[in-house]
Each structure stands twice: as C-alpha cells, then as structure tokens.
C-alpha cells in the first residue's frame, strides 16, 4: 500500500504518527559533527519543548524560558539506560547546547542554548 498524500493529509493516522521534531542541520557540521545522534535528537526534542514553555509558564525570574526535561524522559525517548541518558545530557552541556540548573527535590531546569552557525 502506498500513501496517498492528498487523500490522507487530514487523516488522524497522519496527525498521530507523523508529527516530527526538527533537528538543526548545523548539528551535522563542525563543531557538532562528532556529537552522537542521540544527543542531536534530544536537542531537537528540547527545542520543540522550549517552544511550548511559553504556554506552560516555564520562565525564570530573569524572563528566560526553560524546559523540565528529566533523565527518565531521555530514557523513554531513546530506550536507553540511566547512564546513557546522563551521558547525552553531559554531551549537550559540553557542546554548549544546554545549561542545566539543578533544583532541590524537583526536575532540573534546562536552558536550551542557541547552536553555532555551521561551518561547511
């Protein structure tokens, strides 16, 4: 069976199964080229979440939006262990793509930072 894009574009199947995350092309070039695919995907998901933060009132005292993205959420998205999820967060921090503000007895606030322009 082939997809009929015109016929199926309003179908619930498409709405439920083909929403997508955007991963910036810059992450596939220097200085991010050697970053893991898992970290690139999670960054794209975090970018999507930060866009929703405004509606969720996830804003700090300085007026900066953040997301609450837990280690267990990363584990669910990637189907990985706690250690692997921690490694993804560390990789994103090391590349300057996120800043984590640890909260006492609450999910950390994750600030999603802009990526550097791609070098060809």
PDB file of N, CA and C in Angstrom:
ATOM      1  N   UNK A   1       0.836  -1.178   0.000  1.00  0.00           N
ATOM      2  CA  UNK A   1       0.000   0.000   0.000  1.00  0.00           C
ATOM      3  C   UNK A   1       0.885   1.248   0.000  1.00  0.00           C
ATOM      4  N   UNK A   2       0.589   2.171  -0.854  1.00  0.00           N
ATOM      5  CA  UNK A   2       1.304   3.433  -0.910  1.00  0.00           C
ATOM      6  C   UNK A   2       0.496   4.516  -0.211  1.00  0.00           C
ATOM      7  N   UNK A   3       1.188   5.529   0.276  1.00  0.00           N
ATOM      8  CA  UNK A   3       0.491   6.658   0.879  1.00  0.00           C
ATOM      9  C   UNK A   3      -0.052   7.561  -0.215  1.00  0.00           C
ATOM     10  N   UNK A   4      -1.276   7.980  -0.052  1.00  0.00           N
ATOM     11  CA  UNK A   4      -1.864   8.975  -0.944  1.00  0.00           C
ATOM     12  C   UNK A   4      -1.889  10.271  -0.142  1.00  0.00           C
ATOM     13  N   UNK A   5      -0.879  11.119  -0.344  1.00  0.00           N
ATOM     14  CA  UNK A   5      -0.715  12.313   0.477  1.00  0.00           C
ATOM     15  C   UNK A   5      -1.917  13.239   0.431  1.00  0.00           C
ATOM     16  N   UNK A   6      -2.500  13.429  -0.722  1.00  0.00           N
ATOM     17  CA  UNK A   6      -3.668  14.312  -0.840  1.00  0.00           C
ATOM     18  C   UNK A   6      -4.870  13.741  -0.090  1.00  0.00           C
ATOM     19  N   UNK A   7      -5.120  12.484  -0.276  1.00  0.00           N
ATOM     20  CA  UNK A   7      -6.275  11.840   0.348  1.00  0.00           C
ATOM     21  C   UNK A   7      -6.109  11.724   1.864  1.00  0.00           C
ATOM     22  N   UNK A   8      -4.881  11.441   2.300  1.00  0.00           N
ATOM     23  CA  UNK A   8      -4.644  11.121   3.702  1.00  0.00           C
ATOM     24  C   UNK A   8      -4.170  12.283   4.568  1.00  0.00           C
ATOM     25  N   UNK A   9      -3.981  13.491   4.000  1.00  0.00           N
ATOM     26  CA  UNK A   9      -3.350  14.554   4.776  1.00  0.00           C
ATOM     27  C   UNK A   9      -4.153  14.995   6.005  1.00  0.00           C
ATOM     28  N   UNK A  10      -5.464  14.812   6.004  1.00  0.00           N
ATOM     29  CA  UNK A  10      -6.276  15.173   7.171  1.00  0.00           C
ATOM     30  C   UNK A  10      -6.643  13.963   8.021  1.00  0.00           C
ATOM     31  N   UNK A  11      -6.141  12.829   7.663  1.00  0.00           N
ATOM     32  CA  UNK A  11      -6.419  11.588   8.361  1.00  0.00           C
ATOM     33  C   UNK A  11      -5.782  11.607   9.751  1.00  0.00           C
ATOM     34  N   UNK A  12      -6.468  11.060  10.731  1.00  0.00           N
ATOM     35  CA  UNK A  12      -5.947  11.004  12.102  1.00  0.00           C
ATOM     36  C   UNK A  12      -4.643  10.207  12.175  1.00  0.00           C
ATOM     37  N   UNK A  13      -4.488   9.209  11.314  1.00  0.00           N
ATOM     38  CA  UNK A  13      -3.265   8.419  11.278  1.00  0.00           C
ATOM     39  C   UNK A  13      -2.053   9.324  11.076  1.00  0.00           C
ATOM     40  N   UNK A  14      -2.154  10.264  10.155  1.00  0.00           N
ATOM     41  CA  UNK A  14      -1.055  11.188   9.882  1.00  0.00           C
ATOM     42  C   UNK A  14      -0.820  12.115  11.066  1.00  0.00           C
ATOM     43  N   UNK A  15      -1.887  12.605  11.644  1.00  0.00           N
ATOM     44  CA  UNK A  15      -1.754  13.534  12.768  1.00  0.00           C
ATOM     45  C   UNK A  15      -1.113  12.855  13.970  1.00  0.00           C
ATOM     46  N   UNK A  16      -1.475  11.595  14.208  1.00  0.00           N
ATOM     47  CA  UNK A  16      -0.970  10.878  15.374  1.00  0.00           C
ATOM     48  C   UNK A  16       0.432  10.308  15.171  1.00  0.00           C
ATOM     49  N   UNK A  17       0.779   9.956  13.952  1.00  0.00           N
ATOM     50  CA  UNK A  17       2.018   9.223  13.716  1.00  0.00           C
ATOM     51  C   UNK A  17       3.100   9.986  12.963  1.00  0.00           C
ATOM     52  N   UNK A  18       2.765  11.143  12.409  1.00  0.00           N
ATOM     53  CA  UNK A  18       3.755  11.833  11.599  1.00  0.00           C
ATOM     54  C   UNK A  18       4.019  13.265  12.043  1.00  0.00           C
ATOM     55  N   UNK A  19       3.765  13.551  13.313  1.00  0.00           N
ATOM     56  CA  UNK A  19       4.278  14.819  13.817  1.00  0.00           C
ATOM     57  C   UNK A  19       5.786  14.593  13.941  1.00  0.00           C
ATOM     58  N   UNK A  20       6.559  15.632  13.932  1.00  0.00           N
ATOM     59  CA  UNK A  20       8.001  15.426  13.871  1.00  0.00           C
ATOM     60  C   UNK A  20       8.754  16.444  14.722  1.00  0.00           C
ATOM     61  N   UNK A  21      10.001  16.108  14.981  1.00  0.00           N
ATOM     62  CA  UNK A  21      10.923  17.001  15.666  1.00  0.00           C
ATOM     63  C   UNK A  21      11.899  17.533  14.631  1.00  0.00           C
ATOM     64  N   UNK A  22      12.322  18.752  14.829  1.00  0.00           N
ATOM     65  CA  UNK A  22      13.277  19.363  13.909  1.00  0.00           C
ATOM     66  C   UNK A  22      14.654  19.358  14.549  1.00  0.00           C
ATOM     67  N   UNK A  23      15.601  18.819  13.833  1.00  0.00           N
ATOM     68  CA  UNK A  23      16.986  18.810  14.286  1.00  0.00           C
ATOM     69  C   UNK A  23      17.756  19.749  13.360  1.00  0.00           C
ATOM     70  N   UNK A  24      18.383  20.773  13.898  1.00  0.00           N
ATOM     71  CA  UNK A  24      19.091  21.733  13.046  1.00  0.00           C
ATOM     72  C   UNK A  24      20.192  21.071  12.208  1.00  0.00           C
ATOM     73  N   UNK A  25      20.273  21.460  10.955  1.00  0.00           N
ATOM     74  CA  UNK A  25      21.313  20.944  10.055  1.00  0.00           C
ATOM     75  C   UNK A  25      22.706  21.263  10.574  1.00  0.00           C
ATOM     76  N   UNK A  26      22.823  22.358  11.282  1.00  0.00           N
ATOM     77  CA  UNK A  26      24.127  22.765  11.812  1.00  0.00           C
ATOM     78  C   UNK A  26      24.740  21.693  12.709  1.00  0.00           C
ATOM     79  N   UNK A  27      23.918  20.840  13.304  1.00  0.00           N
ATOM     80  CA  UNK A  27      24.446  19.807  14.192  1.00  0.00           C
ATOM     81  C   UNK A  27      25.158  18.691  13.434  1.00  0.00           C
ATOM     82  N   UNK A  28      25.060  18.697  12.117  1.00  0.00           N
ATOM     83  CA  UNK A  28      25.717  17.672  11.315  1.00  0.00           C
ATOM     84  C   UNK A  28      27.000  18.213  10.664  1.00  0.00           C
ATOM     85  N   UNK A  29      27.403  19.405  11.127  1.00  0.00           N
ATOM     86  CA  UNK A  29      28.630  20.039  10.648  1.00  0.00           C
ATOM     87  C   UNK A  29      29.458  20.444  11.859  1.00  0.00           C
ATOM     88  N   UNK A  30      30.678  20.890  11.592  1.00  0.00           N
ATOM     89  CA  UNK A  30      31.546  21.340  12.691  1.00  0.00           C
ATOM     90  C   UNK A  30      30.907  22.520  13.398  1.00  0.00           C
ATOM     91  N   UNK A  31      31.010  22.631  14.690  1.00  0.00           N
ATOM     92  CA  UNK A  31      31.777  21.838  15.638  1.00  0.00           C
ATOM     93  C   UNK A  31      31.013  20.664  16.247  1.00  0.00           C
ATOM     94  N   UNK A  32      29.854  20.328  15.710  1.00  0.00           N
ATOM     95  CA  UNK A  32      28.994  19.299  16.298  1.00  0.00           C
ATOM     96  C   UNK A  32      29.049  17.959  15.565  1.00  0.00           C
ATOM     97  N   UNK A  33      29.810  17.886  14.516  1.00  0.00           N
ATOM     98  CA  UNK A  33      29.799  16.720  13.635  1.00  0.00           C
ATOM     99  C   UNK A  33      30.018  15.399  14.378  1.00  0.00           C
ATOM    100  N   UNK A  34      30.887  15.399  15.364  1.00  0.00           N
ATOM    101  CA  UNK A  34      31.213  14.164  16.088  1.00  0.00           C
ATOM    102  C   UNK A  34      30.277  13.886  17.262  1.00  0.00           C
ATOM    103  N   UNK A  35      29.325  14.761  17.482  1.00  0.00           N
ATOM    104  CA  UNK A  35      28.363  14.562  18.555  1.00  0.00           C
ATOM    105  C   UNK A  35      27.479  13.362  18.212  1.00  0.00           C
ATOM    106  N   UNK A  36      27.045  12.619  19.206  1.00  0.00           N
ATOM    107  CA  UNK A  36      26.235  11.427  18.956  1.00  0.00           C
ATOM    108  C   UNK A  36      24.867  11.792  18.368  1.00  0.00           C
ATOM    109  N   UNK A  37      24.330  10.869  17.599  1.00  0.00           N
ATOM    110  CA  UNK A  37      22.989  11.042  17.030  1.00  0.00           C
ATOM    111  C   UNK A  37      21.966  11.188  18.156  1.00  0.00           C
ATOM    112  N   UNK A  38      22.155  10.458  19.236  1.00  0.00           N
ATOM    113  CA  UNK A  38      21.230  10.547  20.375  1.00  0.00           C
ATOM    114  C   UNK A  38      21.188  11.961  20.937  1.00  0.00           C
ATOM    115  N   UNK A  39      22.346  12.576  21.094  1.00  0.00           N
ATOM    116  CA  UNK A  39      22.399  13.947  21.624  1.00  0.00           C
ATOM    117  C   UNK A  39      21.746  14.924  20.649  1.00  0.00           C
ATOM    118  N   UNK A  40      21.981  14.734  19.355  1.00  0.00           N
ATOM    119  CA  UNK A  40      21.372  15.614  18.350  1.00  0.00           C
ATOM    120  C   UNK A  40      19.854  15.502  18.372  1.00  0.00           C
ATOM    121  N   UNK A  41      19.353  14.277  18.491  1.00  0.00           N
ATOM    122  CA  UNK A  41      17.909  14.066  18.537  1.00  0.00           C
ATOM    123  C   UNK A  41      17.299  14.692  19.790  1.00  0.00           C
ATOM    124  N   UNK A  42      17.917  14.468  20.933  1.00  0.00           N
ATOM    125  CA  UNK A  42      17.390  15.035  22.181  1.00  0.00           C
ATOM    126  C   UNK A  42      17.420  16.561  22.133  1.00  0.00           C
ATOM    127  N   UNK A  43      18.445  17.150  21.529  1.00  0.00           N
ATOM    128  CA  UNK A  43      18.484  18.610  21.376  1.00  0.00           C
ATOM    129  C   UNK A  43      17.291  19.082  20.538  1.00  0.00           C
ATOM    130  N   UNK A  44      16.992  18.381  19.454  1.00  0.00           N
ATOM    131  CA  UNK A  44      15.830  18.723  18.628  1.00  0.00           C
ATOM    132  C   UNK A  44      14.531  18.632  19.406  1.00  0.00           C
ATOM    133  N   UNK A  45      14.408  17.606  20.237  1.00  0.00           N
ATOM    134  CA  UNK A  45      13.207  17.447  21.065  1.00  0.00           C
ATOM    135  C   UNK A  45      13.131  18.566  22.103  1.00  0.00           C
ATOM    136  N   UNK A  46      14.270  18.914  22.679  1.00  0.00           N
ATOM    137  CA  UNK A  46      14.292  20.016  23.654  1.00  0.00           C
ATOM    138  C   UNK A  46      13.914  21.336  22.989  1.00  0.00           C
ATOM    139  N   UNK A  47      14.357  21.549  21.767  1.00  0.00           N
ATOM    140  CA  UNK A  47      13.964  22.763  21.049  1.00  0.00           C
ATOM    141  C   UNK A  47      12.449  22.828  20.887  1.00  0.00           C
ATOM    142  N   UNK A  48      11.838  21.691  20.581  1.00  0.00           N
ATOM    143  CA  UNK A  48      10.375  21.642  20.467  1.00  0.00           C
ATOM    144  C   UNK A  48       9.720  21.954  21.802  1.00  0.00           C
ATOM    145  N   UNK A  49      10.277  21.402  22.871  1.00  0.00           N
ATOM    146  CA  UNK A  49       9.707  21.622  24.203  1.00  0.00           C
ATOM    147  C   UNK A  49       9.842  23.068  24.650  1.00  0.00           C
ATOM    148  N   UNK A  50      10.945  23.710  24.298  1.00  0.00           N
ATOM    149  CA  UNK A  50      11.153  25.095  24.739  1.00  0.00           C
ATOM    150  C   UNK A  50      10.127  26.012  24.084  1.00  0.00           C
ATOM    151  N   UNK A  51       9.701  25.662  22.886  1.00  0.00           N
ATOM    152  CA  UNK A  51       8.669  26.461  22.218  1.00  0.00           C
ATOM    153  C   UNK A  51       7.340  26.358  22.976  1.00  0.00           C
ATOM    154  N   UNK A  52       7.133  25.252  23.671  1.00  0.00           N
ATOM    155  CA  UNK A  52       5.903  25.068  24.444  1.00  0.00           C
ATOM    156  C   UNK A  52       6.000  25.700  25.835  1.00  0.00           C
ATOM    157  N   UNK A  53       7.207  26.063  26.243  1.00  0.00           N
ATOM    158  CA  UNK A  53       7.414  26.584  27.594  1.00  0.00           C
ATOM    159  C   UNK A  53       6.650  27.869  27.858  1.00  0.00           C
ATOM    160  N   UNK A  54       6.476  28.684  26.827  1.00  0.00           N
ATOM    161  CA  UNK A  54       5.745  29.939  26.999  1.00  0.00           C
ATOM    162  C   UNK A  54       4.327  29.673  27.486  1.00  0.00           C
ATOM    163  N   UNK A  55       3.650  28.743  26.849  1.00  0.00           N
ATOM    164  CA  UNK A  55       2.289  28.404  27.245  1.00  0.00           C
ATOM    165  C   UNK A  55       2.222  27.732  28.606  1.00  0.00           C
ATOM    166  N   UNK A  56       3.281  27.065  28.965  1.00  0.00           N
ATOM    167  CA  UNK A  56       3.330  26.362  30.260  1.00  0.00           C
ATOM    168  C   UNK A  56       3.851  27.254  31.379  1.00  0.00           C
ATOM    169  N   UNK A  57       4.191  28.489  31.050  1.00  0.00           N
ATOM    170  CA  UNK A  57       4.705  29.460  32.024  1.00  0.00           C
ATOM    171  C   UNK A  57       6.009  28.990  32.666  1.00  0.00           C
ATOM    172  N   UNK A  58       6.859  28.310  31.877  1.00  0.00           N
ATOM    173  CA  UNK A  58       8.164  27.889  32.366  1.00  0.00           C
ATOM    174  C   UNK A  58       9.177  28.981  32.045  1.00  0.00           C
ATOM    175  N   UNK A  59       9.182  29.973  32.921  1.00  0.00           N
ATOM    176  CA  UNK A  59      10.031  31.142  32.733  1.00  0.00           C
ATOM    177  C   UNK A  59      10.641  31.495  34.091  1.00  0.00           C
ATOM    178  N   UNK A  60      11.926  31.804  34.082  1.00  0.00           N
ATOM    179  CA  UNK A  60      12.585  32.101  35.353  1.00  0.00           C
ATOM    180  C   UNK A  60      12.447  33.583  35.719  1.00  0.00           C
ATOM    181  N   UNK A  61      13.060  33.968  36.819  1.00  0.00           N
ATOM    182  CA  UNK A  61      12.968  35.350  37.304  1.00  0.00           C
ATOM    183  C   UNK A  61      13.611  36.363  36.359  1.00  0.00           C
ATOM    184  N   UNK A  62      14.497  35.891  35.479  1.00  0.00           N
ATOM    185  CA  UNK A  62      15.164  36.774  34.511  1.00  0.00           C
ATOM    186  C   UNK A  62      14.408  36.869  33.193  1.00  0.00           C
ATOM    187  N   UNK A  63      13.267  36.177  33.098  1.00  0.00           N
ATOM    188  CA  UNK A  63      12.487  36.199  31.862  1.00  0.00           C
ATOM    189  C   UNK A  63      12.970  35.214  30.808  1.00  0.00           C
ATOM    190  N   UNK A  64      13.778  34.239  31.223  1.00  0.00           N
ATOM    191  CA  UNK A  64      14.327  33.250  30.298  1.00  0.00           C
ATOM    192  C   UNK A  64      13.504  31.961  30.372  1.00  0.00           C
ATOM    193  N   UNK A  65      13.164  31.440  29.196  1.00  0.00           N
ATOM    194  CA  UNK A  65      12.398  30.195  29.137  1.00  0.00           C
ATOM    195  C   UNK A  65      13.304  28.995  29.371  1.00  0.00           C
ATOM    196  N   UNK A  66      12.753  27.989  30.011  1.00  0.00           N
ATOM    197  CA  UNK A  66      13.481  26.747  30.236  1.00  0.00           C
ATOM    198  C   UNK A  66      12.509  25.592  30.039  1.00  0.00           C
ATOM    199  N   UNK A  67      13.041  24.392  30.029  1.00  0.00           N
ATOM    200  CA  UNK A  67      12.210  23.210  29.946  1.00  0.00           C
ATOM    201  C   UNK A  67      12.559  22.293  31.108  1.00  0.00           C
ATOM    202  N   UNK A  68      11.619  21.480  31.513  1.00  0.00           N
ATOM    203  CA  UNK A  68      11.871  20.472  32.542  1.00  0.00           C
ATOM    204  C   UNK A  68      11.983  19.146  31.801  1.00  0.00           C
ATOM    205  N   UNK A  69      13.196  18.754  31.564  1.00  0.00           N
ATOM    206  CA  UNK A  69      13.464  17.560  30.772  1.00  0.00           C
ATOM    207  C   UNK A  69      14.261  16.621  31.649  1.00  0.00           C
ATOM    208  N   UNK A  70      13.631  15.562  32.115  1.00  0.00           N
ATOM    209  CA  UNK A  70      14.268  14.676  33.083  1.00  0.00           C
ATOM    210  C   UNK A  70      15.076  13.578  32.406  1.00  0.00           C
ATOM    211  N   UNK A  71      15.936  12.987  33.194  1.00  0.00           N
ATOM    212  CA  UNK A  71      16.733  11.861  32.727  1.00  0.00           C
ATOM    213  C   UNK A  71      15.821  10.718  32.276  1.00  0.00           C
ATOM    214  N   UNK A  72      14.744  10.486  33.020  1.00  0.00           N
ATOM    215  CA  UNK A  72      13.832   9.395  32.644  1.00  0.00           C
ATOM    216  C   UNK A  72      13.116   9.695  31.321  1.00  0.00           C
ATOM    217  N   UNK A  73      12.889  10.964  31.010  1.00  0.00           N
ATOM    218  CA  UNK A  73      12.293  11.309  29.718  1.00  0.00           C
ATOM    219  C   UNK A  73      13.245  10.933  28.581  1.00  0.00           C
ATOM    220  N   UNK A  74      14.523  11.218  28.771  1.00  0.00           N
ATOM    221  CA  UNK A  74      15.518  10.851  27.764  1.00  0.00           C
ATOM    222  C   UNK A  74      15.554   9.336  27.609  1.00  0.00           C
ATOM    223  N   UNK A  75      15.505   8.624  28.721  1.00  0.00           N
ATOM    224  CA  UNK A  75      15.485   7.163  28.675  1.00  0.00           C
ATOM    225  C   UNK A  75      14.292   6.659  27.862  1.00  0.00           C
ATOM    226  N   UNK A  76      13.134   7.277  28.046  1.00  0.00           N
ATOM    227  CA  UNK A  76      11.938   6.861  27.302  1.00  0.00           C
ATOM    228  C   UNK A  76      12.067   7.166  25.817  1.00  0.00           C
ATOM    229  N   UNK A  77      12.540   8.357  25.479  1.00  0.00           N
ATOM    230  CA  UNK A  77      12.685   8.724  24.062  1.00  0.00           C
ATOM    231  C   UNK A  77      13.669   7.806  23.341  1.00  0.00           C
ATOM    232  N   UNK A  78      14.788   7.511  23.997  1.00  0.00           N
ATOM    233  CA  UNK A  78      15.857   6.765  23.334  1.00  0.00           C
ATOM    234  C   UNK A  78      15.842   5.265  23.632  1.00  0.00           C
ATOM    235  N   UNK A  79      15.059   4.864  24.615  1.00  0.00           N
ATOM    236  CA  UNK A  79      15.060   3.452  25.007  1.00  0.00           C
ATOM    237  C   UNK A  79      16.426   3.051  25.541  1.00  0.00           C
ATOM    238  N   UNK A  80      16.978   3.898  26.402  1.00  0.00           N
ATOM    239  CA  UNK A  80      18.339   3.668  26.884  1.00  0.00           C
ATOM    240  C   UNK A  80      18.369   3.623  28.413  1.00  0.00           C
ATOM    241  N   UNK A  81      19.550   3.336  28.937  1.00  0.00           N
ATOM    242  CA  UNK A  81      19.743   3.255  30.380  1.00  0.00           C
ATOM    243  C   UNK A  81      19.903   4.650  30.995  1.00  0.00           C
ATOM    244  N   UNK A  82      19.859   4.687  32.318  1.00  0.00           N
ATOM    245  CA  UNK A  82      20.061   5.939  33.050  1.00  0.00           C
ATOM    246  C   UNK A  82      21.440   6.522  32.731  1.00  0.00           C
ATOM    247  N   UNK A  83      22.439   5.659  32.703  1.00  0.00           N
ATOM    248  CA  UNK A  83      23.796   6.105  32.407  1.00  0.00           C
ATOM    249  C   UNK A  83      23.922   6.713  31.022  1.00  0.00           C
ATOM    250  N   UNK A  84      23.273   6.097  30.044  1.00  0.00           N
ATOM    251  CA  UNK A  84      23.319   6.625  28.672  1.00  0.00           C
ATOM    252  C   UNK A  84      22.608   7.970  28.577  1.00  0.00           C
ATOM    253  N   UNK A  85      21.495   8.114  29.279  1.00  0.00           N
ATOM    254  CA  UNK A  85      20.756   9.379  29.276  1.00  0.00           C
ATOM    255  C   UNK A  85      21.598  10.484  29.918  1.00  0.00           C
ATOM    256  N   UNK A  86      22.276  10.161  30.994  1.00  0.00           N
ATOM    257  CA  UNK A  86      23.159  11.122  31.660  1.00  0.00           C
ATOM    258  C   UNK A  86      24.286  11.537  30.725  1.00  0.00           C
ATOM    259  N   UNK A  87      24.808  10.585  29.980  1.00  0.00           N
ATOM    260  CA  UNK A  87      25.881  10.858  29.018  1.00  0.00           C
ATOM    261  C   UNK A  87      25.413  11.821  27.922  1.00  0.00           C
ATOM    262  N   UNK A  88      24.163  11.670  27.474  1.00  0.00           N
ATOM    263  CA  UNK A  88      23.597  12.568  26.452  1.00  0.00           C
ATOM    264  C   UNK A  88      23.521  13.994  26.993  1.00  0.00           C
ATOM    265  N   UNK A  89      23.020  14.148  28.216  1.00  0.00           N
ATOM    266  CA  UNK A  89      22.948  15.481  28.826  1.00  0.00           C
ATOM    267  C   UNK A  89      24.329  16.103  28.962  1.00  0.00           C
ATOM    268  N   UNK A  90      25.291  15.306  29.406  1.00  0.00           N
ATOM    269  CA  UNK A  90      26.659  15.799  29.565  1.00  0.00           C
ATOM    270  C   UNK A  90      27.236  16.231  28.216  1.00  0.00           C
ATOM    271  N   UNK A  91      26.971  15.448  27.176  1.00  0.00           N
ATOM    272  CA  UNK A  91      27.458  15.769  25.834  1.00  0.00           C
ATOM    273  C   UNK A  91      26.871  17.093  25.338  1.00  0.00           C
ATOM    274  N   UNK A  92      25.587  17.304  25.577  1.00  0.00           N
ATOM    275  CA  UNK A  92      24.950  18.558  25.169  1.00  0.00           C
ATOM    276  C   UNK A  92      25.528  19.744  25.943  1.00  0.00           C
ATOM    277  N   UNK A  93      25.790  19.545  27.228  1.00  0.00           N
ATOM    278  CA  UNK A  93      26.405  20.607  28.029  1.00  0.00           C
ATOM    279  C   UNK A  93      27.819  20.916  27.537  1.00  0.00           C
ATOM    280  N   UNK A  94      28.595  19.881  27.267  1.00  0.00           N
ATOM    281  CA  UNK A  94      29.975  20.066  26.818  1.00  0.00           C
ATOM    282  C   UNK A  94      30.052  20.797  25.479  1.00  0.00           C
ATOM    283  N   UNK A  95      29.033  20.631  24.641  1.00  0.00           N
ATOM    284  CA  UNK A  95      28.999  21.317  23.354  1.00  0.00           C
ATOM    285  C   UNK A  95      28.328  22.694  23.445  1.00  0.00           C
ATOM    286  N   UNK A  96      27.958  23.100  24.650  1.00  0.00           N
ATOM    287  CA  UNK A  96      27.378  24.424  24.855  1.00  0.00           C
ATOM    288  C   UNK A  96      25.964  24.573  24.317  1.00  0.00           C
ATOM    289  N   UNK A  97      25.234  23.441  24.225  1.00  0.00           N
ATOM    290  CA  UNK A  97      23.869  23.491  23.682  1.00  0.00           C
ATOM    291  C   UNK A  97      22.796  23.579  24.757  1.00  0.00           C
ATOM    292  N   UNK A  98      23.141  23.205  25.967  1.00  0.00           N
ATOM    293  CA  UNK A  98      22.202  23.344  27.089  1.00  0.00           C
ATOM    294  C   UNK A  98      22.974  23.784  28.329  1.00  0.00           C
ATOM    295  N   UNK A  99      22.227  24.353  29.260  1.00  0.00           N
ATOM    296  CA  UNK A  99      22.742  24.661  30.591  1.00  0.00           C
ATOM    297  C   UNK A  99      21.731  24.091  31.568  1.00  0.00           C
ATOM    298  N   UNK A 100      22.209  23.278  32.492  1.00  0.00           N
ATOM    299  CA  UNK A 100      21.316  22.615  33.449  1.00  0.00           C
ATOM    300  C   UNK A 100      21.419  23.324  34.788  1.00  0.00           C
ATOM    301  N   UNK A 101      20.263  23.715  35.313  1.00  0.00           N
ATOM    302  CA  UNK A 101      20.192  24.311  36.647  1.00  0.00           C
ATOM    303  C   UNK A 101      19.489  23.293  37.533  1.00  0.00           C
ATOM    304  N   UNK A 102      20.268  22.650  38.400  1.00  0.00           N
ATOM    305  CA  UNK A 102      19.720  21.589  39.247  1.00  0.00           C
ATOM    306  C   UNK A 102      18.857  22.198  40.347  1.00  0.00           C
ATOM    307  N   UNK A 103      17.688  21.613  40.528  1.00  0.00           N
ATOM    308  CA  UNK A 103      16.735  22.077  41.535  1.00  0.00           C
ATOM    309  C   UNK A 103      16.681  21.047  42.662  1.00  0.00           C
ATOM    310  N   UNK A 104      16.499  21.513  43.877  1.00  0.00           N
ATOM    311  CA  UNK A 104      16.382  20.607  45.012  1.00  0.00           C
ATOM    312  C   UNK A 104      15.000  19.966  45.012  1.00  0.00           C
ATOM    313  N   UNK A 105      14.948  18.661  44.972  1.00  0.00           N
ATOM    314  CA  UNK A 105      13.709  17.878  45.044  1.00  0.00           C
ATOM    315  C   UNK A 105      12.705  18.226  43.938  1.00  0.00           C
ATOM    316  N   UNK A 106      13.205  18.593  42.772  1.00  0.00           N
ATOM    317  CA  UNK A 106      12.343  18.917  41.626  1.00  0.00           C
ATOM    318  C   UNK A 106      13.142  18.665  40.349  1.00  0.00           C
ATOM    319  N   UNK A 107      12.452  18.518  39.222  1.00  0.00           N
ATOM    320  CA  UNK A 107      13.189  18.343  37.960  1.00  0.00           C
ATOM    321  C   UNK A 107      14.074  19.559  37.667  1.00  0.00           C
ATOM    322  N   UNK A 108      15.226  19.295  37.100  1.00  0.00           N
ATOM    323  CA  UNK A 108      16.154  20.364  36.743  1.00  0.00           C
ATOM    324  C   UNK A 108      15.540  21.282  35.699  1.00  0.00           C
ATOM    325  N   UNK A 109      15.932  22.542  35.744  1.00  0.00           N
ATOM    326  CA  UNK A 109      15.576  23.476  34.686  1.00  0.00           C
ATOM    327  C   UNK A 109      16.663  23.360  33.627  1.00  0.00           C
ATOM    328  N   UNK A 110      16.269  23.104  32.396  1.00  0.00           N
ATOM    329  CA  UNK A 110      17.236  23.006  31.310  1.00  0.00           C
ATOM    330  C   UNK A 110      17.025  24.177  30.371  1.00  0.00           C
ATOM    331  N   UNK A 111      18.075  24.968  30.241  1.00  0.00           N
ATOM    332  CA  UNK A 111      18.056  26.107  29.326  1.00  0.00           C
ATOM    333  C   UNK A 111      18.647  25.634  28.000  1.00  0.00           C
ATOM    334  N   UNK A 112      17.862  25.704  26.952  1.00  0.00           N
ATOM    335  CA  UNK A 112      18.313  25.295  25.629  1.00  0.00           C
ATOM    336  C   UNK A 112      18.976  26.507  24.989  1.00  0.00           C
ATOM    337  N   UNK A 113      20.245  26.356  24.669  1.00  0.00           N
ATOM    338  CA  UNK A 113      21.048  27.456  24.155  1.00  0.00           C
ATOM    339  C   UNK A 113      21.138  27.400  22.637  1.00  0.00           C
ATOM    340  N   UNK A 114      21.380  28.530  22.006  1.00  0.00           N
ATOM    341  CA  UNK A 114      21.495  28.529  20.545  1.00  0.00           C
ATOM    342  C   UNK A 114      22.762  27.802  20.089  1.00  0.00           C
ATOM    343  N   UNK A 115      22.669  27.177  18.931  1.00  0.00           N
ATOM    344  CA  UNK A 115      23.822  26.492  18.356  1.00  0.00           C
ATOM    345  C   UNK A 115      24.633  27.474  17.514  1.00  0.00           C
ATOM    346  N   UNK A 116      25.899  27.112  17.310  1.00  0.00           N
ATOM    347  CA  UNK A 116      26.773  27.943  16.481  1.00  0.00           C
ATOM    348  C   UNK A 116      26.458  27.698  15.022  1.00  0.00           C
ATOM    349  N   UNK A 117      26.660  28.712  14.209  1.00  0.00           N
ATOM    350  CA  UNK A 117      26.421  28.580  12.770  1.00  0.00           C
ATOM    351  C   UNK A 117      27.341  27.524  12.188  1.00  0.00           C
ATOM    352  N   UNK A 118      26.813  26.772  11.251  1.00  0.00           N
ATOM    353  CA  UNK A 118      27.564  25.683  10.631  1.00  0.00           C
ATOM    354  C   UNK A 118      28.732  26.191   9.810  1.00  0.00           C
ATOM    355  N   UNK A 119      29.808  25.415   9.872  1.00  0.00           N
ATOM    356  CA  UNK A 119      30.970  25.670   9.018  1.00  0.00           C
ATOM    357  C   UNK A 119      30.970  24.587   7.941  1.00  0.00           C
ATOM    358  N   UNK A 120      31.000  24.973   6.680  1.00  0.00           N
ATOM    359  CA  UNK A 120      30.995  23.983   5.608  1.00  0.00           C
ATOM    360  C   UNK A 120      32.338  23.328   5.417  1.00  0.00           C
TER     361      UNK A 120
END
